[in-house]
């Protein structure tokens, strides 16, 4: 069985950076930050990190 390398930005974002996996992201953050009870994270918001070209010869980018 092969595992995906979550150290790769793309794979990490696929698992933790998608709104459909919000519960996984919150569980990960709560465990990482040792938050429990009333101190736990109960919601996260995903922002668009894609930068679009303003001109035809412009470059696109992605914020991490």
N, C-alpha and C. Protein backbone atom coordinates (compact mmCIF):
# COMPACT_ATOMS: atom_id res chain seq x y z
N UNK A 1 0.84 -1.18 0.00
CA UNK A 1 0.00 0.00 0.00
C UNK A 1 0.89 1.24 0.00
N UNK A 2 0.63 2.17 -0.92
CA UNK A 2 1.40 3.41 -0.98
C UNK A 2 0.62 4.52 -0.29
N UNK A 3 1.36 5.37 0.39
CA UNK A 3 0.76 6.53 1.06
C UNK A 3 1.13 7.79 0.30
N UNK A 4 0.28 8.78 0.38
CA UNK A 4 0.55 10.06 -0.26
C UNK A 4 1.44 10.89 0.64
N UNK A 5 2.38 11.60 0.05
CA UNK A 5 3.32 12.42 0.81
C UNK A 5 2.68 13.77 1.10
N UNK A 6 2.23 13.97 2.34
CA UNK A 6 1.55 15.21 2.71
C UNK A 6 2.50 16.38 2.87
N UNK A 7 3.82 16.13 2.74
CA UNK A 7 4.77 17.23 2.76
C UNK A 7 4.74 18.00 1.43
N UNK A 8 4.14 17.40 0.42
CA UNK A 8 3.97 18.09 -0.86
C UNK A 8 2.79 19.06 -0.71
N UNK A 9 3.01 20.31 -1.10
CA UNK A 9 1.98 21.34 -0.96
C UNK A 9 0.65 20.91 -1.57
N UNK A 10 0.70 20.34 -2.76
CA UNK A 10 -0.53 19.96 -3.45
C UNK A 10 -1.32 18.94 -2.64
N UNK A 11 -0.65 17.93 -2.14
CA UNK A 11 -1.34 16.87 -1.39
C UNK A 11 -1.89 17.40 -0.07
N UNK A 12 -1.13 18.23 0.61
CA UNK A 12 -1.58 18.81 1.87
C UNK A 12 -2.84 19.65 1.64
N UNK A 13 -2.81 20.46 0.59
CA UNK A 13 -3.97 21.31 0.29
C UNK A 13 -5.18 20.47 -0.09
N UNK A 14 -4.98 19.37 -0.79
CA UNK A 14 -6.10 18.51 -1.16
C UNK A 14 -6.77 17.91 0.07
N UNK A 15 -5.99 17.59 1.08
CA UNK A 15 -6.56 16.98 2.27
C UNK A 15 -7.11 18.02 3.24
N UNK A 16 -6.36 19.08 3.50
CA UNK A 16 -6.74 20.03 4.55
C UNK A 16 -7.29 21.36 4.05
N UNK A 17 -7.20 21.64 2.76
CA UNK A 17 -7.57 22.96 2.27
C UNK A 17 -8.81 23.01 1.41
N UNK A 18 -9.68 22.04 1.56
CA UNK A 18 -10.88 22.00 0.72
C UNK A 18 -12.12 22.05 1.62
N UNK A 19 -13.09 22.90 1.28
CA UNK A 19 -14.29 23.04 2.12
C UNK A 19 -15.02 21.73 2.42
N UNK A 20 -14.97 20.78 1.50
CA UNK A 20 -15.66 19.51 1.75
C UNK A 20 -14.96 18.68 2.83
N UNK A 21 -13.74 19.05 3.19
CA UNK A 21 -12.98 18.33 4.24
C UNK A 21 -12.77 19.21 5.47
N UNK A 22 -13.69 20.12 5.69
CA UNK A 22 -13.60 21.07 6.79
C UNK A 22 -13.45 20.37 8.14
N UNK A 23 -14.16 19.28 8.35
CA UNK A 23 -14.09 18.58 9.64
C UNK A 23 -12.69 18.00 9.88
N UNK A 24 -12.04 17.53 8.82
CA UNK A 24 -10.68 17.01 8.96
C UNK A 24 -9.73 18.14 9.33
N UNK A 25 -9.89 19.29 8.67
CA UNK A 25 -9.04 20.45 8.95
C UNK A 25 -9.20 20.91 10.39
N UNK A 26 -10.44 21.01 10.86
CA UNK A 26 -10.67 21.46 12.24
C UNK A 26 -10.12 20.46 13.25
N UNK A 27 -10.30 19.18 12.99
CA UNK A 27 -9.76 18.15 13.90
C UNK A 27 -8.23 18.23 13.95
N UNK A 28 -7.60 18.41 12.80
CA UNK A 28 -6.15 18.53 12.73
C UNK A 28 -5.66 19.75 13.52
N UNK A 29 -6.30 20.90 13.28
CA UNK A 29 -5.89 22.13 13.99
C UNK A 29 -6.11 22.02 15.49
N UNK A 30 -7.23 21.46 15.91
CA UNK A 30 -7.50 21.31 17.34
C UNK A 30 -6.48 20.37 18.00
N UNK A 31 -6.13 19.29 17.31
CA UNK A 31 -5.14 18.37 17.86
C UNK A 31 -3.75 19.03 17.91
N UNK A 32 -3.39 19.72 16.85
CA UNK A 32 -2.08 20.36 16.77
C UNK A 32 -1.93 21.46 17.82
N UNK A 33 -3.00 22.20 18.06
CA UNK A 33 -2.96 23.32 19.00
C UNK A 33 -3.42 22.94 20.41
N UNK A 34 -3.73 21.65 20.62
CA UNK A 34 -4.18 21.13 21.91
C UNK A 34 -5.42 21.89 22.42
N UNK A 35 -6.37 22.13 21.54
CA UNK A 35 -7.59 22.84 21.92
C UNK A 35 -8.70 21.84 22.19
N UNK A 36 -9.36 22.01 23.31
CA UNK A 36 -10.46 21.13 23.69
C UNK A 36 -11.60 21.96 24.28
N UNK A 37 -12.76 21.36 24.41
CA UNK A 37 -13.89 22.01 25.05
C UNK A 37 -14.27 23.32 24.39
N UNK A 38 -14.51 24.35 25.20
CA UNK A 38 -14.92 25.65 24.68
C UNK A 38 -13.81 26.36 23.90
N UNK A 39 -12.56 25.90 24.04
CA UNK A 39 -11.43 26.52 23.37
C UNK A 39 -11.19 25.97 21.96
N UNK A 40 -11.93 24.93 21.57
CA UNK A 40 -11.66 24.28 20.29
C UNK A 40 -12.17 25.11 19.12
N UNK A 41 -11.57 24.88 17.98
CA UNK A 41 -11.98 25.55 16.74
C UNK A 41 -13.26 24.87 16.26
N UNK A 42 -14.28 25.66 15.99
CA UNK A 42 -15.57 25.09 15.58
C UNK A 42 -15.94 25.44 14.14
N UNK A 43 -15.15 26.30 13.50
CA UNK A 43 -15.43 26.64 12.11
C UNK A 43 -14.16 27.21 11.47
N UNK A 44 -14.00 26.96 10.20
CA UNK A 44 -12.91 27.54 9.43
C UNK A 44 -13.47 28.06 8.12
N UNK A 45 -12.79 29.03 7.55
CA UNK A 45 -13.21 29.61 6.28
C UNK A 45 -12.05 29.47 5.30
N UNK A 46 -12.34 29.01 4.11
CA UNK A 46 -11.33 28.82 3.09
C UNK A 46 -11.38 29.99 2.11
N UNK A 47 -10.26 30.67 1.96
CA UNK A 47 -10.15 31.81 1.05
C UNK A 47 -9.54 31.36 -0.27
N UNK A 48 -9.90 32.03 -1.34
CA UNK A 48 -9.32 31.75 -2.65
C UNK A 48 -7.88 32.24 -2.65
N UNK A 49 -6.95 31.37 -2.97
CA UNK A 49 -5.53 31.72 -2.96
C UNK A 49 -4.95 31.82 -4.36
N UNK A 50 -5.79 31.71 -5.38
CA UNK A 50 -5.33 31.80 -6.76
C UNK A 50 -5.26 33.26 -7.18
N UNK A 51 -4.12 33.66 -7.73
CA UNK A 51 -3.96 35.00 -8.27
C UNK A 51 -4.16 34.91 -9.78
N UNK A 52 -5.01 35.75 -10.31
CA UNK A 52 -5.30 35.69 -11.74
C UNK A 52 -4.44 36.70 -12.50
N UNK A 53 -4.27 36.43 -13.78
CA UNK A 53 -3.51 37.33 -14.65
C UNK A 53 -4.32 38.60 -14.90
N UNK A 54 -3.67 39.73 -14.85
CA UNK A 54 -4.34 40.97 -15.19
C UNK A 54 -4.11 41.32 -16.66
N UNK A 55 -3.04 40.79 -17.24
CA UNK A 55 -2.77 41.01 -18.64
C UNK A 55 -2.48 39.66 -19.30
N UNK A 56 -2.53 39.63 -20.62
CA UNK A 56 -2.31 38.36 -21.33
C UNK A 56 -0.92 37.79 -21.07
N UNK A 57 0.08 38.67 -20.93
CA UNK A 57 1.44 38.19 -20.69
C UNK A 57 1.80 38.15 -19.20
N UNK A 58 0.81 38.40 -18.36
CA UNK A 58 1.03 38.37 -16.91
C UNK A 58 1.20 36.95 -16.40
N UNK A 59 1.68 36.86 -15.20
CA UNK A 59 1.89 35.55 -14.59
C UNK A 59 0.78 35.26 -13.59
N UNK A 60 0.48 34.00 -13.44
CA UNK A 60 -0.46 33.60 -12.40
C UNK A 60 0.34 33.22 -11.17
N UNK A 61 -0.32 33.15 -10.06
CA UNK A 61 0.38 32.78 -8.83
C UNK A 61 -0.56 32.10 -7.86
N UNK A 62 0.02 31.57 -6.80
CA UNK A 62 -0.74 30.88 -5.77
C UNK A 62 -0.14 31.25 -4.43
N UNK A 63 -0.98 31.67 -3.52
CA UNK A 63 -0.53 32.00 -2.17
C UNK A 63 -0.59 30.76 -1.29
N UNK A 64 0.44 30.55 -0.51
CA UNK A 64 0.46 29.41 0.43
C UNK A 64 0.07 29.88 1.80
